[in-house]
Structure formats: C-alpha cells, structure tokens
Amino acid sequence: MTDHDGFHVTIDEPRRVATITLDVPGKMNRVAITARAQLARVFEDLGRDPRVRAIVVAGAGDEAFTAGGDIAGFMEVDPEWISHLHDNIAAPERCPKPVIAALHGYCLGVGFELALACDFRIAADNTQVGLPEISLGMIPGSGGSQRLVQMVGIGRAKDMVMRGRRLKAPEALAWGLLTEVVPRAGLADAVAALADDMAARPSVALRTLKRVLNQAPNTSLSVGMELEGLAYGLLRSTDDFAEGVASFTEKRKPTWRDS
C-alpha cells in the first residue's frame, strides 16, 4: 500500500486490480491541491504497471466518495497555476486501462469531475452528484462543465451547474451520468464484479477501444469512422485477435497474450 496526500493505493495482484482510495477522515475525503498532481502521476504509473489491468477509485468511510476540494487552499496558489488543474483530473481518461469510480454519499465538485473522467461510474443508491462551485462565486475548473455538456447536453448542464443543483442517484442514472446504481450494501460487490470483468478482457483491444471512444465526441463522424477502421485493421495483426478467433472456433476460453 502506498500513501499520498489524502489517498492511498493498493494493488490486488491475483486479481490484477489497483484501487485508489480517497481517505481524509473527518473532512469527507476532501481532495487537496497537492493531491491532484499526485493522482495524475499515480494514474500514469498504474497505466504502465504490468501487474494492473483495471483500476478502481473509491472513497473511504460512510459519508462520501468526496465532497470536493480543499476550498481554502485555492487562495494560496497562483491563478495561472489553477487554470491547468483540469490536466490532472483528466488522468483517468488518459489512462490506457479501464477506470471505475465507486461512488457513495456525496460526490461533489472535483470529486464529480474526477468521476466523470472515469470510464464507469457505479453508484450506491445514497449517492448525490453535483458541481456547486457557483455558490462560491466560482465555476467548475477541472473539466466538469465541458464533460457535462458532452454527456447530457447544454440544457441539462446549465440546469445543473448554473443552479448548483445536486442530483440524487436515480436522476443521475436517468440522465446517463451513472453506469449503474446499486444498494449501498452491494456497492463493493458490483464494483469488484466489473473490475474483474475488465481485468479478464484482452488488454490491447481494450486500450485501443478506449482511445477510439474517447476521440468520438471531439471529431466528425467521418473522421471517427476512419479512426475506428484504422484501429480495426491494426488489431487484425495482434496475437490476441488470433487467439480470440481460435478459441471461438475451438469452443474454449481464450488465453490472452496481451500482444
């Protein structure tokens, strides 16, 4: 287990799953200014770690995934510096491996922005998500407003961010912001099942697919189709695709070679 400023990292090597746990007792797992760059480095390291095939981000305790950032800390740093914080919080999106956010309780501010940058968001039924920065005379600064527009449209994004409105889990699921909502007692099992599923998938195809999907909102359909086609052709030459075809025709479970 490796500790950082307000979070720690564990790796379950038999399952090949890493877990980043936000853990700041008594402060609803607030994300410190210093933790943001640390999180980016951790995602970069885990992205290269051969022991890891899937990553989970979770919050310790019963109250929150995280209720947001260290508000007072923003007054102690340079305005130009904080204008680049979105680079750090986008780290789960850049990571070549699947990243799952395990949400419960409060998921606000930078916590929600971090979750939006993940590939999957599995939420307990007591989860509340929101970007309340407007109540501080501020706006979301780590990608939240932009990802919301891409995911739910400008109308809903304005309704949520300009009003500082929180969504409970069922409404967030209906909006498409959550992958799945489960009872609080079943959150760990649901997240573990998804992480194990991702860890069992062929990693070369999975990381290629993630790159293709991440580009879709930023390009035209015709360019996206070209990108998908190029990736499709590239994967044709991999050992994993040959193994997938062989296992299918031989009616057996594939053994992925990650090449």
Protein backbone atom coordinates (compact mmCIF):
# COMPACT_ATOMS: atom_id res chain seq x y z
CA MET A 1 0.00 0.00 0.00
CA THR A 2 1.34 3.43 -0.96
CA ASP A 3 0.16 6.60 0.80
CA HIS A 4 -0.13 10.07 -0.74
CA ASP A 5 -1.73 13.33 0.37
CA GLY A 6 -5.20 12.17 1.33
CA PHE A 7 -5.33 8.92 -0.60
CA HIS A 8 -3.63 5.56 -0.80
CA VAL A 9 -3.09 2.95 -3.49
CA THR A 10 -3.35 -0.82 -3.19
CA ILE A 11 -2.77 -3.50 -5.81
CA ASP A 12 -4.51 -6.86 -5.67
CA GLU A 13 -2.03 -8.79 -7.78
CA PRO A 14 -4.01 -12.05 -8.08
CA ARG A 15 -6.99 -10.09 -9.46
CA ARG A 16 -4.73 -7.58 -11.26
CA VAL A 17 -6.83 -4.70 -9.94
CA ALA A 18 -5.50 -1.49 -8.37
CA THR A 19 -7.61 0.62 -6.01
CA ILE A 20 -7.09 4.31 -5.31
CA THR A 21 -8.90 5.19 -2.07
CA LEU A 22 -9.59 8.80 -1.14
CA ASP A 23 -9.20 8.82 2.63
CA VAL A 24 -9.35 12.02 4.68
CA PRO A 25 -11.23 11.18 7.89
CA GLY A 26 -13.41 13.96 9.26
CA LYS A 27 -13.20 16.01 6.05
CA MET A 28 -15.36 13.90 3.73
CA ASN A 29 -12.29 12.81 1.77
CA ARG A 30 -11.56 16.31 0.50
CA VAL A 31 -9.09 16.44 -2.37
CA ALA A 32 -6.13 18.67 -1.53
CA ILE A 33 -4.47 20.87 -4.14
CA THR A 34 -1.30 18.80 -3.84
CA ALA A 35 -3.23 15.54 -4.27
CA ARG A 36 -4.32 16.43 -7.79
CA ALA A 37 -0.85 16.24 -9.33
CA GLN A 38 -0.17 13.13 -7.25
CA LEU A 39 -3.30 11.47 -8.63
CA ALA A 40 -2.17 12.24 -12.17
CA ARG A 41 1.21 10.62 -11.53
CA VAL A 42 -0.41 7.57 -9.92
CA PHE A 43 -2.68 7.02 -12.93
CA GLU A 44 0.31 7.35 -15.23
CA ASP A 45 2.28 4.81 -13.17
CA LEU A 46 -0.62 2.35 -12.97
CA GLY A 47 -1.16 2.71 -16.70
CA ARG A 48 2.33 1.28 -17.21
CA ASP A 49 2.27 -1.28 -14.39
CA PRO A 50 2.10 -4.84 -15.83
CA ARG A 51 0.53 -6.09 -12.59
CA VAL A 52 -2.59 -3.98 -13.19
CA ARG A 53 -5.34 -4.46 -15.77
CA ALA A 54 -8.14 -2.42 -14.15
CA ILE A 55 -8.31 0.49 -11.71
CA VAL A 56 -10.94 1.44 -9.13
CA VAL A 57 -11.29 4.87 -7.50
CA ALA A 58 -13.23 4.82 -4.22
CA GLY A 59 -13.83 6.88 -1.09
CA ALA A 60 -13.24 5.67 2.46
CA GLY A 61 -15.89 5.83 5.18
CA ASP A 62 -19.64 6.09 5.01
CA GLU A 63 -20.26 9.76 4.20
CA ALA A 64 -18.74 10.46 0.83
CA PHE A 65 -16.76 9.45 -2.21
CA THR A 66 -15.53 13.01 -1.77
CA ALA A 67 -17.39 16.21 -1.02
CA GLY A 68 -14.92 18.16 -3.15
CA GLY A 69 -11.70 20.11 -2.93
CA ASP A 70 -9.86 21.96 -0.21
CA ILE A 71 -11.62 25.30 -0.67
CA ALA A 72 -9.30 27.43 1.44
CA GLY A 73 -6.30 26.05 -0.42
CA PHE A 74 -7.30 27.82 -3.62
CA MET A 75 -6.49 31.20 -2.06
CA GLU A 76 -2.89 30.11 -1.53
CA VAL A 77 -1.96 29.26 -5.12
CA ASP A 78 -1.39 31.22 -8.29
CA PRO A 79 -4.43 31.82 -10.54
CA GLU A 80 -2.49 30.82 -13.63
CA TRP A 81 -1.48 27.56 -11.96
CA ILE A 82 -5.02 26.56 -11.04
CA SER A 83 -6.18 27.23 -14.60
CA HIS A 84 -4.41 23.99 -15.55
CA LEU A 85 -5.91 21.74 -12.87
CA HIS A 86 -8.12 20.05 -15.45
CA ASP A 87 -4.99 18.33 -16.82
CA ASN A 88 -4.60 16.42 -13.56
CA ILE A 89 -8.23 15.44 -13.16
CA ALA A 90 -8.33 14.16 -16.76
CA ALA A 91 -5.77 11.49 -15.82
CA PRO A 92 -8.32 8.63 -15.60
CA GLU A 93 -9.46 9.45 -19.14
CA ARG A 94 -5.88 9.39 -20.44
CA CYS A 95 -5.05 6.16 -18.61
CA PRO A 96 -4.94 3.27 -21.12
CA LYS A 97 -6.64 0.91 -18.67
CA PRO A 98 -10.32 0.83 -17.66
CA VAL A 99 -11.06 3.03 -14.64
CA ILE A 100 -14.12 2.53 -12.44
CA ALA A 101 -15.42 5.14 -9.98
CA ALA A 102 -17.14 3.58 -6.96
CA LEU A 103 -19.45 6.31 -5.67
CA HIS A 104 -21.38 6.68 -2.44
CA GLY A 105 -22.73 9.56 -0.41
CA TYR A 106 -21.53 12.97 -1.54
CA CYS A 107 -19.76 13.19 -4.90
CA LEU A 108 -19.36 16.91 -5.39
CA GLY A 109 -17.08 19.42 -7.07
CA VAL A 110 -13.74 17.97 -8.07
CA GLY A 111 -14.97 14.57 -6.86
CA PHE A 112 -17.69 14.55 -9.50
CA GLU A 113 -15.24 15.89 -12.08
CA LEU A 114 -12.86 13.03 -11.26
CA ALA A 115 -15.72 10.53 -11.56
CA LEU A 116 -16.78 11.99 -14.93
CA ALA A 117 -13.25 11.39 -16.23
CA CYS A 118 -13.51 7.69 -15.36
CA ASP A 119 -14.83 5.09 -17.80
CA PHE A 120 -17.53 3.72 -15.49
CA ARG A 121 -19.43 5.15 -12.53
CA ILE A 122 -21.04 2.58 -10.25
CA ALA A 123 -23.03 4.39 -7.57
CA ALA A 124 -24.70 3.42 -4.33
CA ASP A 125 -28.33 4.44 -4.08
CA ASN A 126 -27.44 7.11 -1.49
CA THR A 127 -25.14 8.98 -3.90
CA GLN A 128 -25.59 12.69 -4.65
CA VAL A 129 -23.62 14.28 -7.51
CA GLY A 130 -23.15 17.95 -8.22
CA LEU A 131 -20.95 20.87 -9.16
CA PRO A 132 -21.79 23.52 -6.54
CA GLU A 133 -18.96 25.96 -7.35
CA ILE A 134 -21.38 28.75 -8.34
CA SER A 135 -22.31 29.10 -4.65
CA LEU A 136 -18.70 30.19 -4.02
CA GLY A 137 -18.67 32.72 -6.85
CA MET A 138 -16.68 30.25 -8.96
CA ILE A 139 -17.24 27.76 -11.79
CA PRO A 140 -16.09 24.15 -12.20
CA GLY A 141 -12.41 24.18 -13.10
CA SER A 142 -11.41 20.58 -13.71
CA GLY A 143 -13.46 19.66 -16.75
CA GLY A 144 -16.87 19.30 -15.14
CA SER A 145 -18.83 21.80 -17.22
CA GLN A 146 -17.38 20.57 -20.50
CA ARG A 147 -17.87 16.86 -19.83
CA LEU A 148 -21.41 17.51 -18.66
CA VAL A 149 -22.29 19.26 -21.92
CA GLN A 150 -20.87 16.34 -23.91
CA MET A 151 -22.70 13.76 -21.81
CA VAL A 152 -26.11 15.32 -21.14
CA GLY A 153 -26.40 18.33 -23.46
CA ILE A 154 -26.14 22.04 -22.82
CA GLY A 155 -29.65 22.44 -21.40
CA ARG A 156 -29.22 19.95 -18.62
CA ALA A 157 -25.65 21.09 -18.00
CA LYS A 158 -26.85 24.67 -17.45
CA ASP A 159 -29.68 23.47 -15.23
CA MET A 160 -27.24 21.60 -13.03
CA VAL A 161 -24.20 23.90 -12.94
CA MET A 162 -25.75 27.36 -13.07
CA ARG A 163 -28.15 26.43 -10.27
CA GLY A 164 -25.57 24.45 -8.31
CA ARG A 165 -28.09 21.64 -8.28
CA ARG A 166 -27.37 18.21 -6.85
CA LEU A 167 -28.77 15.09 -8.45
CA LYS A 168 -29.65 12.01 -6.47
CA ALA A 169 -28.56 8.68 -7.89
CA PRO A 170 -31.80 7.74 -9.73
CA GLU A 171 -31.96 11.07 -11.57
CA ALA A 172 -28.24 10.98 -12.38
CA LEU A 173 -28.71 7.48 -13.79
CA ALA A 174 -31.66 8.64 -15.90
CA TRP A 175 -29.51 11.46 -17.28
CA GLY A 176 -26.83 8.98 -18.31
CA LEU A 177 -24.25 10.23 -15.79
CA LEU A 178 -24.02 6.90 -13.97
CA THR A 179 -23.39 3.43 -15.34
CA GLU A 180 -25.33 1.59 -12.64
CA VAL A 181 -27.00 2.24 -9.29
CA VAL A 182 -26.95 -0.46 -6.62
CA PRO A 183 -27.89 -0.70 -2.93
CA ARG A 184 -25.19 0.75 -0.67
CA ALA A 185 -24.50 -2.68 0.82
CA GLY A 186 -23.90 -4.12 -2.65
CA LEU A 187 -21.56 -1.43 -3.98
CA ALA A 188 -18.29 -3.23 -3.27
CA ASP A 189 -19.51 -6.44 -4.92
CA ALA A 190 -20.82 -4.62 -8.01
CA VAL A 191 -17.56 -2.72 -8.45
CA ALA A 192 -15.47 -5.86 -7.91
CA ALA A 193 -17.50 -7.76 -10.50
CA LEU A 194 -16.97 -5.03 -13.10
CA ALA A 195 -13.26 -4.70 -12.27
CA ASP A 196 -12.78 -8.45 -12.61
CA ASP A 197 -14.66 -8.41 -15.90
CA MET A 198 -12.41 -5.65 -17.24
CA ALA A 199 -9.26 -7.38 -15.97
CA ALA A 200 -10.25 -10.52 -17.88
CA ARG A 201 -10.64 -8.70 -21.21
CA PRO A 202 -7.87 -8.56 -23.87
CA SER A 203 -5.83 -5.52 -22.86
CA VAL A 204 -4.55 -4.50 -26.31
CA ALA A 205 -8.06 -4.36 -27.76
CA LEU A 206 -9.42 -2.69 -24.63
CA ARG A 207 -6.91 0.15 -24.54
CA THR A 208 -7.30 0.66 -28.31
CA LEU A 209 -11.08 0.80 -27.94
CA LYS A 210 -10.80 3.32 -25.11
CA ARG A 211 -8.70 5.61 -27.29
CA VAL A 212 -11.17 5.35 -30.18
CA LEU A 213 -14.18 6.00 -27.95
CA ASN A 214 -12.54 8.95 -26.20
CA GLN A 215 -11.99 10.67 -29.54
CA ALA A 216 -15.59 10.27 -30.74
CA PRO A 217 -17.01 13.41 -29.04
CA ASN A 218 -14.18 15.54 -30.41
CA THR A 219 -14.34 14.70 -34.09
CA SER A 220 -16.72 14.31 -37.01
CA LEU A 221 -18.43 11.03 -37.79
CA SER A 222 -16.37 10.54 -40.95
CA VAL A 223 -13.05 11.08 -39.14
CA GLY A 224 -14.21 8.86 -36.30
CA MET A 225 -15.06 6.09 -38.76
CA GLU A 226 -11.60 6.38 -40.29
CA LEU A 227 -10.01 6.17 -36.84
CA GLU A 228 -12.11 3.13 -35.95
CA GLY A 229 -11.22 1.47 -39.25
CA LEU A 230 -7.50 2.05 -38.78
CA ALA A 231 -7.66 0.62 -35.26
CA TYR A 232 -9.69 -2.34 -36.52
CA GLY A 233 -7.08 -3.11 -39.15
CA LEU A 234 -4.26 -2.74 -36.63
CA LEU A 235 -5.85 -5.20 -34.22
CA ARG A 236 -6.20 -7.74 -37.03
CA SER A 237 -2.45 -8.41 -36.70
CA THR A 238 -2.39 -8.98 -32.92
CA ASP A 239 -1.79 -12.30 -31.21
CA ASP A 240 -4.88 -11.69 -29.09
CA PHE A 241 -7.15 -11.49 -32.13
CA ALA A 242 -5.67 -14.73 -33.48
CA GLU A 243 -6.28 -16.32 -30.09
CA GLY A 244 -9.82 -14.94 -29.97
CA VAL A 245 -10.64 -16.47 -33.36
CA ALA A 246 -9.01 -19.79 -32.44
CA SER A 247 -10.78 -20.03 -29.08
CA PHE A 248 -14.11 -19.22 -30.73
CA THR A 249 -13.76 -21.91 -33.38
CA GLU A 250 -12.42 -24.44 -30.85
CA LYS A 251 -15.18 -23.57 -28.35
CA ARG A 252 -12.82 -22.88 -25.45
CA LYS A 253 -11.95 -19.97 -23.18
CA PRO A 254 -9.30 -17.65 -24.68
CA THR A 255 -5.89 -17.15 -23.11
CA TRP A 256 -4.93 -13.57 -23.81
CA ARG A 257 -1.28 -12.82 -24.53
CA ASP A 258 -1.51 -9.02 -24.30
CA SER A 259 0.20 -8.68 -27.63
